[in-house]
C-alpha atoms as a PDB file:
ATOM      1  CA  MET A   1       0.000   0.000   0.000  1.00  0.00           C
ATOM      2  CA  THR A   2       1.463   3.358  -1.014  1.00  0.00           C
ATOM      3  CA  ILE A   3       0.492   6.454   0.922  1.00  0.00           C
ATOM      4  CA  LEU A   4       1.403   9.970  -0.170  1.00  0.00           C
ATOM      5  CA  GLY A   5       4.150   9.373  -2.637  1.00  0.00           C
ATOM      6  CA  ARG A   6       6.903   6.818  -2.909  1.00  0.00           C
ATOM      7  CA  GLU A   7       7.110   5.855   0.759  1.00  0.00           C
ATOM      8  CA  ARG A   8       5.645   2.465   1.457  1.00  0.00           C
ATOM      9  CA  THR A   9       3.556   1.472   4.415  1.00  0.00           C
ATOM     10  CA  PRO A  10       5.199  -1.283   6.439  1.00  0.00           C
ATOM     11  CA  GLU A  11       3.431  -4.527   5.595  1.00  0.00           C
ATOM     12  CA  ARG A  12       2.568  -5.309   9.217  1.00  0.00           C
ATOM     13  CA  LEU A  13       0.840  -1.925   9.600  1.00  0.00           C
ATOM     14  CA  ALA A  14      -0.951  -2.308   6.281  1.00  0.00           C
ATOM     15  CA  ASN A  15      -2.285  -5.699   7.395  1.00  0.00           C
ATOM     16  CA  GLU A  16      -3.343  -4.276  10.758  1.00  0.00           C
ATOM     17  CA  LEU A  17      -5.151  -1.360   9.100  1.00  0.00           C
ATOM     18  CA  ASP A  18      -6.885  -3.744   6.721  1.00  0.00           C
ATOM     19  CA  ARG A  19      -8.080  -5.871   9.645  1.00  0.00           C
ATOM     20  CA  MET A  20      -9.246  -2.775  11.524  1.00  0.00           C
ATOM     21  CA  ALA A  21     -11.109  -1.497   8.447  1.00  0.00           C
ATOM     22  CA  THR A  22     -12.899  -4.826   8.155  1.00  0.00           C
ATOM     23  CA  ALA A  23     -13.797  -4.702  11.859  1.00  0.00           C
ATOM     24  CA  ALA A  24     -15.096  -1.126  11.565  1.00  0.00           C
ATOM     25  CA  ALA A  25     -17.216  -1.990   8.510  1.00  0.00           C
ATOM     26  CA  SER A  26     -18.585  -5.053  10.282  1.00  0.00           C
ATOM     27  CA  ALA A  27     -19.437  -2.986  13.369  1.00  0.00           C
ATOM     28  CA  LEU A  28     -21.313  -0.473  11.216  1.00  0.00           C
ATOM     29  CA  ALA A  29     -23.255  -3.224   9.436  1.00  0.00           C
ATOM     30  CA  ASP A  30     -24.086  -4.907  12.748  1.00  0.00           C
ATOM     31  CA  ALA A  31     -25.176  -1.590  14.252  1.00  0.00           C
ATOM     32  CA  LEU A  32     -27.556  -1.002  11.356  1.00  0.00           C
ATOM     33  CA  ASP A  33     -28.937  -4.516  11.796  1.00  0.00           C
ATOM     34  CA  CYS A  34     -29.496  -3.768  15.490  1.00  0.00           C
ATOM     35  CA  LEU A  35     -31.538  -0.700  14.624  1.00  0.00           C
ATOM     36  CA  ASP A  36     -33.927  -2.913  12.702  1.00  0.00           C
ATOM     37  CA  SER A  37     -33.916  -5.961  14.968  1.00  0.00           C
ATOM     38  CA  ARG A  38     -33.639  -4.100  18.308  1.00  0.00           C
ATOM     39  CA  ASP A  39     -31.172  -6.776  19.446  1.00  0.00           C
ATOM     40  CA  ILE A  40     -29.716  -5.345  22.667  1.00  0.00           C
ATOM     41  CA  ALA A  41     -27.109  -8.084  23.111  1.00  0.00           C
ATOM     42  CA  LYS A  42     -25.765  -7.589  19.606  1.00  0.00           C
ATOM     43  CA  ALA A  43     -25.784  -3.809  20.085  1.00  0.00           C
ATOM     44  CA  ASN A  44     -23.667  -4.217  23.212  1.00  0.00           C
ATOM     45  CA  GLN A  45     -21.239  -6.353  21.207  1.00  0.00           C
ATOM     46  CA  VAL A  46     -20.958  -3.539  18.656  1.00  0.00           C
ATOM     47  CA  ILE A  47     -20.180  -1.052  21.421  1.00  0.00           C
ATOM     48  CA  ASP A  48     -17.510  -3.392  22.821  1.00  0.00           C
ATOM     49  CA  ALA A  49     -15.995  -3.856  19.357  1.00  0.00           C
ATOM     50  CA  ALA A  50     -15.880  -0.077  18.860  1.00  0.00           C
ATOM     51  CA  HIS A  51     -14.066   0.376  22.167  1.00  0.00           C
ATOM     52  CA  LEU A  52     -11.575  -2.330  21.215  1.00  0.00           C
ATOM     53  CA  LEU A  53     -10.926  -0.672  17.866  1.00  0.00           C
ATOM     54  CA  THR A  54     -10.247   2.619  19.644  1.00  0.00           C
ATOM     55  CA  LYS A  55      -7.697   0.932  21.915  1.00  0.00           C
ATOM     56  CA  GLU A  56      -5.990  -0.666  18.918  1.00  0.00           C
ATOM     57  CA  ARG A  57      -5.937   2.701  17.167  1.00  0.00           C
ATOM     58  CA  ASP A  58      -4.273   4.272  20.206  1.00  0.00           C
ATOM     59  CA  GLN A  59      -1.552   1.603  20.204  1.00  0.00           C
ATOM     60  CA  ILE A  60      -0.772   2.076  16.524  1.00  0.00           C
ATOM     61  CA  LEU A  61      -0.871   5.862  16.824  1.00  0.00           C
ATOM     62  CA  HIS A  62       1.622   5.637  19.686  1.00  0.00           C
ATOM     63  CA  GLU A  63       3.866   3.533  17.460  1.00  0.00           C
ATOM     64  CA  LEU A  64       3.568   6.104  14.661  1.00  0.00           C
ATOM     65  CA  THR A  65       4.845   8.897  16.871  1.00  0.00           C
ATOM     66  CA  SER A  66       8.329   7.401  16.499  1.00  0.00           C
ATOM     67  CA  LYS A  67       8.106   7.557  12.692  1.00  0.00           C
ATOM     68  CA  ARG A  68       8.622  10.548  10.461  1.00  0.00           C
ATOM     69  CA  GLY A  69       7.407  11.556   7.087  1.00  0.00           C
ATOM     70  CA  ARG A  70       4.422  11.119   4.938  1.00  0.00           C
ATOM     71  CA  VAL A  71       3.669   7.565   5.958  1.00  0.00           C
ATOM     72  CA  ALA A  72       3.140   8.544   9.592  1.00  0.00           C
ATOM     73  CA  VAL A  73       0.859  11.422   8.612  1.00  0.00           C
ATOM     74  CA  GLY A  74      -1.095   9.327   6.123  1.00  0.00           C
ATOM     75  CA  LEU A  75      -1.549   6.465   8.556  1.00  0.00           C
ATOM     76  CA  ALA A  76      -2.668   8.858  11.283  1.00  0.00           C
ATOM     77  CA  TYR A  77      -5.423  10.098   8.944  1.00  0.00           C
ATOM     78  CA  VAL A  78      -6.462   6.526   8.174  1.00  0.00           C
ATOM     79  CA  LEU A  79      -6.551   5.693  11.884  1.00  0.00           C
ATOM     80  CA  GLU A  80      -8.708   8.735  12.616  1.00  0.00           C
ATOM     81  CA  SER A  81     -11.183   7.669   9.932  1.00  0.00           C
ATOM     82  CA  LEU A  82     -11.345   4.139  11.322  1.00  0.00           C
ATOM     83  CA  GLU A  83     -11.933   5.470  14.817  1.00  0.00           C
ATOM     84  CA  ARG A  84     -14.685   7.766  13.539  1.00  0.00           C
ATOM     85  CA  SER A  85     -16.378   4.788  11.873  1.00  0.00           C
ATOM     86  CA  ALA A  86     -16.203   2.899  15.165  1.00  0.00           C
ATOM     87  CA  PHE A  87     -17.757   5.873  16.976  1.00  0.00           C
ATOM     88  CA  TYR A  88     -20.583   5.976  14.428  1.00  0.00           C
ATOM     89  CA  ALA A  89     -21.212   2.260  14.927  1.00  0.00           C
ATOM     90  CA  SER A  90     -21.237   2.721  18.699  1.00  0.00           C
ATOM     91  CA  ASP A  91     -23.658   5.648  18.435  1.00  0.00           C
ATOM     92  CA  LEU A  92     -25.993   3.636  16.202  1.00  0.00           C
ATOM     93  CA  ALA A  93     -25.833   0.709  18.623  1.00  0.00           C
ATOM     94  CA  GLU A  94     -26.775   3.002  21.506  1.00  0.00           C
ATOM     95  CA  ILE A  95     -29.720   4.300  19.502  1.00  0.00           C
ATOM     96  CA  ALA A  96     -30.756   0.695  18.814  1.00  0.00           C
ATOM     97  CA  ILE A  97     -30.633  -0.069  22.536  1.00  0.00           C
ATOM     98  CA  ASN A  98     -32.724   2.999  23.341  1.00  0.00           C
ATOM     99  CA  ARG A  99     -35.283   2.080  20.683  1.00  0.00           C
ATOM    100  CA  ALA A 100     -35.455  -1.501  21.969  1.00  0.00           C
ATOM    101  CA  VAL A 101     -36.022  -0.306  25.534  1.00  0.00           C
ATOM    102  CA  GLU A 102     -38.644   2.223  24.434  1.00  0.00           C
ATOM    103  CA  SER A 103     -40.544  -0.337  22.369  1.00  0.00           C
ATOM    104  CA  SER A 104     -40.473  -2.889  25.192  1.00  0.00           C
ATOM    105  CA  GLN A 105     -41.823  -0.272  27.624  1.00  0.00           C
ATOM    106  CA  ALA A 106     -44.563   0.677  25.183  1.00  0.00           C
ATOM    107  CA  GLU A 107     -45.606  -2.976  24.946  1.00  0.00           C
ATOM    108  CA  VAL A 108     -45.931  -3.502  28.704  1.00  0.00           C
ATOM    109  CA  PRO A 109     -49.633  -3.683  29.581  1.00  0.00           C
ATOM    110  CA  GLY A 110     -50.565  -0.817  31.864  1.00  0.00           C
ATOM    111  CA  GLY A 111     -47.083   0.649  31.464  1.00  0.00           C
ATOM    112  CA  MET A 112     -46.415   4.287  31.073  1.00  0.00           C
ATOM    113  CA  PRO A 113     -46.426   5.349  27.429  1.00  0.00           C
ATOM    114  CA  VAL A 114     -43.052   6.431  26.110  1.00  0.00           C
ATOM    115  CA  ARG A 115     -43.041   9.997  24.859  1.00  0.00           C
ATOM    116  CA  ALA A 116     -40.325  12.026  23.261  1.00  0.00           C
ATOM    117  CA  MET A 117     -39.252  15.012  25.285  1.00  0.00           C
ATOM    118  CA  ALA A 118     -39.899  18.310  23.556  1.00  0.00           C
ATOM    119  CA  ALA A 119     -36.920  20.620  23.325  1.00  0.00           C
ATOM    120  CA  PRO A 120     -37.332  23.780  25.389  1.00  0.00           C
ATOM    121  CA  ASP A 121     -37.883  26.949  23.426  1.00  0.00           C
ATOM    122  CA  ALA A 122     -34.716  28.956  23.039  1.00  0.00           C
END
């Protein structure tokens, strides 16, 4: 993988980024599935996977601080994008959990109806 010119990404880092990209894409797909299925357990797994990806990103970013040049800058941008994707997946999973809880409360006989809170007037 070539990033920003003739410098080459070390193969180990390229493989790690590829694995992380696959994990981030999978987390996003799973999060979208959770929105539809309201699967709380799966949504929690997505949140855990997003946290793990963030930890892995931190480790690689720490390693990149010892490198110079375009490769380090390019990889830092890639890592930031992967982390952002993980955050989006985590946010979607949290929304799925909230929707699942709201729909289960609405289905409880004699339960309090779930209402959206109106934003206060500014």
